[in-house]
Protein backbone atom coordinates (compact mmCIF):
# COMPACT_ATOMS: atom_id res chain seq x y z
CA UNK A 1 0.00 0.00 0.00
CA UNK A 2 1.24 3.47 -0.95
CA UNK A 3 0.12 6.79 0.53
CA UNK A 4 0.18 10.09 -1.33
CA UNK A 5 0.08 13.34 0.63
CA UNK A 6 -0.55 17.01 -0.06
CA UNK A 7 -1.86 19.97 1.88
CA UNK A 8 -5.44 19.06 0.87
CA UNK A 9 -5.49 15.31 0.20
CA UNK A 10 -4.40 11.98 1.61
CA UNK A 11 -4.80 9.04 -0.78
CA UNK A 12 -3.99 5.35 -0.22
CA UNK A 13 -3.41 3.08 -3.26
CA UNK A 14 -2.58 -0.55 -3.91
CA UNK A 15 -0.52 -1.18 -7.10
CA UNK A 16 -0.51 -4.93 -6.41
CA UNK A 17 -4.24 -5.14 -7.16
CA UNK A 18 -5.33 -2.96 -10.05
CA UNK A 19 -3.73 0.23 -8.69
CA UNK A 20 -7.00 0.58 -6.79
CA UNK A 21 -7.63 3.38 -4.32
CA UNK A 22 -8.21 2.19 -0.78
CA UNK A 23 -9.13 5.43 1.02
CA UNK A 24 -9.16 9.18 0.51
CA UNK A 25 -9.30 12.03 3.03
CA UNK A 26 -9.53 15.78 2.49
CA UNK A 27 -8.61 18.62 4.81
CA UNK A 28 -11.41 20.93 5.90
CA UNK A 29 -9.44 23.07 8.30
CA UNK A 30 -6.27 23.08 10.35
CA UNK A 31 -5.57 19.40 11.05
CA UNK A 32 -9.26 18.64 10.39
CA UNK A 33 -9.37 15.68 8.00
CA UNK A 34 -12.46 13.88 6.73
CA UNK A 35 -12.96 10.76 4.61
CA UNK A 36 -14.74 11.42 1.32
CA UNK A 37 -14.35 7.84 0.09
CA UNK A 38 -14.94 4.60 2.00
CA UNK A 39 -11.98 3.30 3.98
CA UNK A 40 -11.21 -0.08 2.40
CA UNK A 41 -7.90 -0.73 4.11
CA UNK A 42 -9.25 -3.27 6.59
CA UNK A 43 -10.24 -6.89 6.05
CA UNK A 44 -13.74 -6.15 7.37
CA UNK A 45 -14.49 -3.46 4.77
CA UNK A 46 -17.76 -3.90 2.85
CA UNK A 47 -15.94 -2.90 -0.35
CA UNK A 48 -12.62 -4.07 -1.77
CA UNK A 49 -11.78 -0.65 -3.22
CA UNK A 50 -12.70 2.98 -2.71
CA UNK A 51 -12.18 3.42 -6.45
CA UNK A 52 -10.98 1.16 -9.24
CA UNK A 53 -10.14 1.44 -12.92
CA UNK A 54 -12.16 -0.20 -15.69
CA UNK A 55 -10.09 -1.22 -18.73
CA UNK A 56 -10.32 -2.13 -21.62
CA UNK A 57 -14.07 -1.50 -21.35
CA UNK A 58 -16.45 -0.01 -18.85
CA UNK A 59 -18.92 -1.82 -16.89
CA UNK A 60 -20.54 -4.91 -18.44
CA UNK A 61 -20.63 -6.96 -21.63
CA UNK A 62 -23.84 -8.98 -21.93
CA UNK A 63 -23.16 -12.68 -21.31
CA UNK A 64 -19.46 -11.96 -21.80
CA UNK A 65 -19.74 -12.05 -25.58
CA UNK A 66 -19.82 -9.64 -28.50
CA UNK A 67 -19.06 -9.54 -32.22
CA UNK A 68 -16.37 -7.27 -33.61
CA UNK A 69 -15.10 -7.07 -37.17
CA UNK A 70 -17.09 -10.18 -38.05
CA UNK A 71 -15.63 -12.34 -35.26
CA UNK A 72 -17.43 -13.45 -32.11
CA UNK A 73 -15.51 -12.82 -28.90
CA UNK A 74 -16.28 -14.81 -25.76
CA UNK A 75 -14.94 -13.68 -22.41
CA UNK A 76 -14.77 -15.47 -19.09
CA UNK A 77 -17.18 -14.61 -16.23
CA UNK A 78 -20.11 -14.70 -18.63
CA UNK A 79 -22.42 -15.40 -15.69
CA UNK A 80 -21.60 -11.88 -14.39
CA UNK A 81 -21.57 -10.28 -17.84
CA UNK A 82 -17.76 -9.92 -17.77
CA UNK A 83 -18.06 -7.05 -15.35
CA UNK A 84 -15.70 -4.10 -14.73
CA UNK A 85 -12.98 -4.76 -17.28
CA UNK A 86 -10.05 -7.18 -17.32
CA UNK A 87 -7.25 -5.48 -15.37
CA UNK A 88 -8.61 -4.48 -11.96
CA UNK A 89 -7.23 -7.47 -10.03
CA UNK A 90 -3.81 -7.65 -11.68
CA UNK A 91 -0.54 -6.30 -10.23
CA UNK A 92 0.69 -3.10 -11.87
CA UNK A 93 4.33 -2.05 -12.10
CA UNK A 94 5.23 1.18 -10.32
CA UNK A 95 7.30 3.30 -12.71
CA UNK A 96 7.42 6.48 -10.62
CA UNK A 97 6.63 7.20 -6.98
CA UNK A 98 6.77 10.59 -5.30
CA UNK A 99 5.27 12.06 -2.15
CA UNK A 100 2.26 13.34 -4.09
CA UNK A 101 2.28 11.27 -7.30
CA UNK A 102 2.29 7.68 -8.52
CA UNK A 103 2.62 6.27 -12.03
CA UNK A 104 1.91 2.62 -12.86
CA UNK A 105 2.05 0.51 -16.01
CA UNK A 106 0.67 -2.86 -17.06
CA UNK A 107 1.47 -4.95 -20.14
CA UNK A 108 -1.08 -7.75 -20.51
CA UNK A 109 1.54 -9.88 -22.29
CA UNK A 110 3.33 -10.21 -18.93
CA UNK A 111 0.33 -11.98 -17.37
CA UNK A 112 -1.36 -15.29 -18.02
CA UNK A 113 -5.11 -15.64 -18.36
CA UNK A 114 -5.99 -11.98 -18.95
CA UNK A 115 -9.68 -11.91 -19.85
CA UNK A 116 -9.16 -10.04 -23.12
CA UNK A 117 -8.03 -11.50 -26.47
CA UNK A 118 -6.04 -8.45 -27.66
CA UNK A 119 -2.65 -7.64 -26.05
CA UNK A 120 -2.77 -4.21 -24.44
CA UNK A 121 -0.57 -1.81 -22.51
CA UNK A 122 -2.18 0.48 -19.94
CA UNK A 123 -0.90 3.28 -17.72
CA UNK A 124 -2.34 4.99 -14.66
CA UNK A 125 -0.93 8.28 -13.42
CA UNK A 126 -2.23 9.81 -10.17
CA UNK A 127 -1.11 13.11 -8.69
CA UNK A 128 -2.21 15.57 -6.04
CA UNK A 129 -2.13 19.04 -7.56
CA UNK A 130 -3.20 21.76 -5.16
CA UNK A 131 -6.88 21.18 -4.34
CA UNK A 132 -7.18 18.60 -7.13
CA UNK A 133 -6.74 14.85 -7.16
CA UNK A 134 -5.89 14.07 -10.80
CA UNK A 135 -6.06 10.60 -12.33
CA UNK A 136 -5.10 9.89 -15.94
CA UNK A 137 -5.22 6.58 -17.76
CA UNK A 138 -4.18 5.36 -21.18
CA UNK A 139 -4.96 2.18 -23.06
CA UNK A 140 -2.87 1.15 -26.08
CA UNK A 141 -3.63 -1.60 -28.57
CA UNK A 142 -0.37 -3.48 -29.09
CA UNK A 143 -1.89 -6.18 -31.29
CA UNK A 144 -1.74 -6.32 -35.09
CA UNK A 145 -5.48 -5.79 -35.60
CA UNK A 146 -8.17 -3.29 -34.69
CA UNK A 147 -9.61 -3.52 -31.17
CA UNK A 148 -12.78 -2.18 -29.53
CA UNK A 149 -12.02 -0.21 -26.37
CA UNK A 150 -13.33 1.85 -23.50
CA UNK A 151 -12.30 2.84 -20.01
CA UNK A 152 -13.47 4.60 -16.89
CA UNK A 153 -13.31 5.08 -13.14
CA UNK A 154 -15.51 3.55 -10.45
CA UNK A 155 -15.13 5.91 -7.45
CA UNK A 156 -17.29 5.41 -4.37
CA UNK A 157 -18.10 8.30 -2.06
CA UNK A 158 -19.19 8.19 1.56
CA UNK A 159 -22.83 8.87 2.38
CA UNK A 160 -22.06 11.30 5.18
CA UNK A 161 -19.20 13.64 6.01
CA UNK A 162 -19.14 15.10 9.53
CA UNK A 163 -22.78 14.06 9.84
CA UNK A 164 -23.80 15.84 6.62
CA UNK A 165 -25.75 14.12 3.82
CA UNK A 166 -24.74 14.41 0.14
CA UNK A 167 -26.10 16.63 -2.58
CA UNK A 168 -25.47 15.85 -6.26
CA UNK A 169 -25.29 17.95 -9.41
CA UNK A 170 -25.00 15.74 -12.50
CA UNK A 171 -26.01 17.22 -15.87
CA UNK A 172 -26.73 14.55 -18.49
CA UNK A 173 -29.04 14.37 -21.50
CA UNK A 174 -30.59 10.91 -21.22
CA UNK A 175 -30.64 7.44 -19.71
CA UNK A 176 -30.22 4.07 -21.34
CA UNK A 177 -33.38 1.94 -21.04
CA UNK A 178 -32.97 -1.14 -18.85
CA UNK A 179 -36.18 -3.18 -19.00
CA UNK A 180 -34.71 -6.19 -17.19
CA UNK A 181 -33.06 -4.22 -14.41
CA UNK A 182 -29.71 -5.91 -15.09
CA UNK A 183 -27.72 -2.73 -15.80
CA UNK A 184 -27.54 -3.67 -19.48
CA UNK A 185 -29.15 -1.19 -21.90
CA UNK A 186 -31.91 -2.28 -24.28
CA UNK A 187 -31.42 0.50 -26.81
CA UNK A 188 -30.62 4.15 -27.38
CA UNK A 189 -30.92 6.72 -24.56
CA UNK A 190 -34.35 8.07 -23.62
CA UNK A 191 -35.49 11.10 -21.62
CA UNK A 192 -34.64 11.25 -17.93
CA UNK A 193 -37.23 10.39 -15.33
CA UNK A 194 -37.57 12.87 -12.43
CA UNK A 195 -35.61 10.68 -10.00
CA UNK A 196 -32.64 10.74 -12.39
CA UNK A 197 -32.66 14.47 -13.07
CA UNK A 198 -29.80 16.07 -11.15
CA UNK A 199 -29.29 19.00 -13.52
CA UNK A 200 -29.73 21.18 -10.46
CA UNK A 201 -28.23 20.27 -7.11
CA UNK A 202 -30.45 18.13 -4.94
CA UNK A 203 -30.17 15.54 -2.20
CA UNK A 204 -29.17 11.99 -3.07
CA UNK A 205 -31.76 9.94 -1.20
CA UNK A 206 -30.56 6.45 -0.11
CA UNK A 207 -34.18 5.25 -0.17
CA UNK A 208 -34.31 5.80 -3.95
CA UNK A 209 -32.13 3.05 -5.40
CA UNK A 210 -30.41 3.97 -8.66
CA UNK A 211 -28.08 1.90 -10.84
CA UNK A 212 -28.27 3.43 -14.29
CA UNK A 213 -26.06 4.31 -17.22
CA UNK A 214 -26.53 7.93 -18.28
CA UNK A 215 -25.68 9.56 -21.62
CA UNK A 216 -24.54 13.02 -22.62
CA UNK A 217 -22.40 13.72 -19.59
CA UNK A 218 -20.99 17.20 -19.98
CA UNK A 219 -17.83 16.30 -18.08
CA UNK A 220 -18.51 18.17 -14.82
CA UNK A 221 -20.42 16.97 -11.76
CA UNK A 222 -20.50 18.22 -8.19
CA UNK A 223 -20.73 16.07 -5.08
CA UNK A 224 -21.32 18.20 -2.00
CA UNK A 225 -21.90 17.70 1.69
CA UNK A 226 -23.35 21.16 2.43
CA UNK A 227 -23.67 20.62 6.16
CA UNK A 228 -19.96 19.81 6.35
CA UNK A 229 -18.80 22.74 4.20
CA UNK A 230 -17.12 20.42 1.69
CA UNK A 231 -17.64 19.58 -1.97
CA UNK A 232 -15.83 17.74 -4.75
CA UNK A 233 -16.10 18.97 -8.31
CA UNK A 234 -15.62 16.05 -10.69
CA UNK A 235 -14.13 17.06 -14.02
CA UNK A 236 -13.71 14.39 -16.69
CA UNK A 237 -12.08 14.70 -20.09
CA UNK A 238 -14.18 14.94 -23.24
CA UNK A 239 -13.85 11.22 -23.94
CA UNK A 240 -15.91 10.49 -20.80
CA UNK A 241 -19.34 11.41 -22.16
CA UNK A 242 -21.12 8.70 -20.17
CA UNK A 243 -21.55 8.25 -16.43
CA UNK A 244 -22.92 5.47 -14.25
CA UNK A 245 -24.82 6.55 -11.15
CA UNK A 246 -25.06 3.91 -8.43
CA UNK A 247 -27.04 4.84 -5.34
CA UNK A 248 -27.74 1.86 -3.06
CA UNK A 249 -29.14 1.94 0.45
CA UNK A 250 -25.61 1.76 1.82
CA UNK A 251 -23.09 4.09 3.49
CA UNK A 252 -21.64 4.81 0.04
CA UNK A 253 -22.63 5.66 -3.53
CA UNK A 254 -20.77 5.89 -6.85
CA UNK A 255 -20.53 8.44 -9.65
CA UNK A 256 -18.53 6.79 -12.44
CA UNK A 257 -17.20 8.79 -15.41
CA UNK A 258 -16.67 6.43 -18.34
CA UNK A 259 -16.03 6.58 -22.08
CA UNK A 260 -18.63 4.01 -23.08
CA UNK A 261 -22.11 2.87 -22.18
CA UNK A 262 -22.64 -0.46 -20.48
CA UNK A 263 -22.56 -3.19 -23.17
CA UNK A 264 -21.43 -0.61 -25.73
CA UNK A 265 -19.77 -3.18 -27.97
CA UNK A 266 -23.03 -5.07 -28.53
CA UNK A 267 -25.06 -1.87 -28.81
CA UNK A 268 -22.70 -0.58 -31.49
CA UNK A 269 -23.01 -3.82 -33.46
CA UNK A 270 -26.80 -3.46 -33.21
CA UNK A 271 -26.56 -0.04 -34.84
CA UNK A 272 -27.07 2.18 -31.77
CA UNK A 273 -25.10 5.39 -32.26
CA UNK A 274 -23.12 7.39 -29.73
CA UNK A 275 -22.47 4.56 -27.26
CA UNK A 276 -18.80 5.43 -26.88
CA UNK A 277 -17.21 2.32 -28.35
CA UNK A 278 -13.73 3.38 -29.45
CA UNK A 279 -11.91 1.40 -32.13
CA UNK A 280 -8.14 1.44 -31.72
CA UNK A 281 -5.93 0.61 -34.66
CA UNK A 282 -2.66 -1.23 -33.92
CA UNK A 283 -0.49 1.09 -31.84
CA UNK A 284 -3.31 3.56 -31.17
CA UNK A 285 -4.06 4.87 -27.66
CA UNK A 286 -7.23 5.87 -25.83
CA UNK A 287 -6.62 8.44 -23.09
CA UNK A 288 -8.88 9.89 -20.40
CA UNK A 289 -8.55 11.97 -17.24
CA UNK A 290 -10.62 12.56 -14.12
CA UNK A 291 -10.08 15.38 -11.62
CA UNK A 292 -11.66 15.69 -8.18
CA UNK A 293 -11.30 19.29 -7.07
CA UNK A 294 -11.83 20.05 -3.40
CA UNK A 295 -14.03 23.01 -2.51
CA UNK A 296 -14.49 24.37 0.97
CA UNK A 297 -17.83 26.14 1.29
CA UNK A 298 -19.44 28.33 3.93
CA UNK A 299 -22.48 26.06 4.34
CA UNK A 300 -21.32 24.28 7.49
């Protein structure tokens, strides 16, 4: 486990298992630190990561299979729809470590049994830059043929900070229909229902369960705990025009900026436009960045 420190952030990471984040604290005042992500450092934690990286695709592939360039691809873990990418449990190589920054690299050719048929190289670069926690990732196709691709982050946030409940601002343009309730879209995005409309800041109610893939993410969201005087502004690069909102009746929730819709590879083959499936030629790279910018407010 590695800890990064700055005047505003403390972040714990584990390069041996997907370069996952294990905990994150922010400073509200002089020596006044508060967790904004679940603490997953102990064996009794309900989650195995406070945030993890999804590569070379985001979220799920229906039944672990899809067709690309005329060839059917079958992945392992079909019973769970090949969830959350192929690299999140693998050890990453640390290529640079500083007090406030960490860079890791993974070459799938160095590992046996990677659940992805194309060889890939990925990098993760995390740094604490003033009030911002910045995370950048790249995914490179090192095969000799075209490859479908996507990526994203799966950060969890704590339900309460200093006793204060969360408020969410999340501007999007639509939601993918999910008739079976399995987090796998049935078609192109449709209009938002009232419980999914967070264009203006409002409370995130734990009694209203949400697990939906949203389209047309403008790249900026705001997660605030007004009663605690703290907020995080999430800024994602242009490639991340989708977001998954997961709001269970738990002490945590997730706002996940991603480049592709759930099951984007199958949706694209079915002719649904704008699902975020990238196609990388040999040697081509997909890059994305997420920033969490700390704001201290006067609400507390």
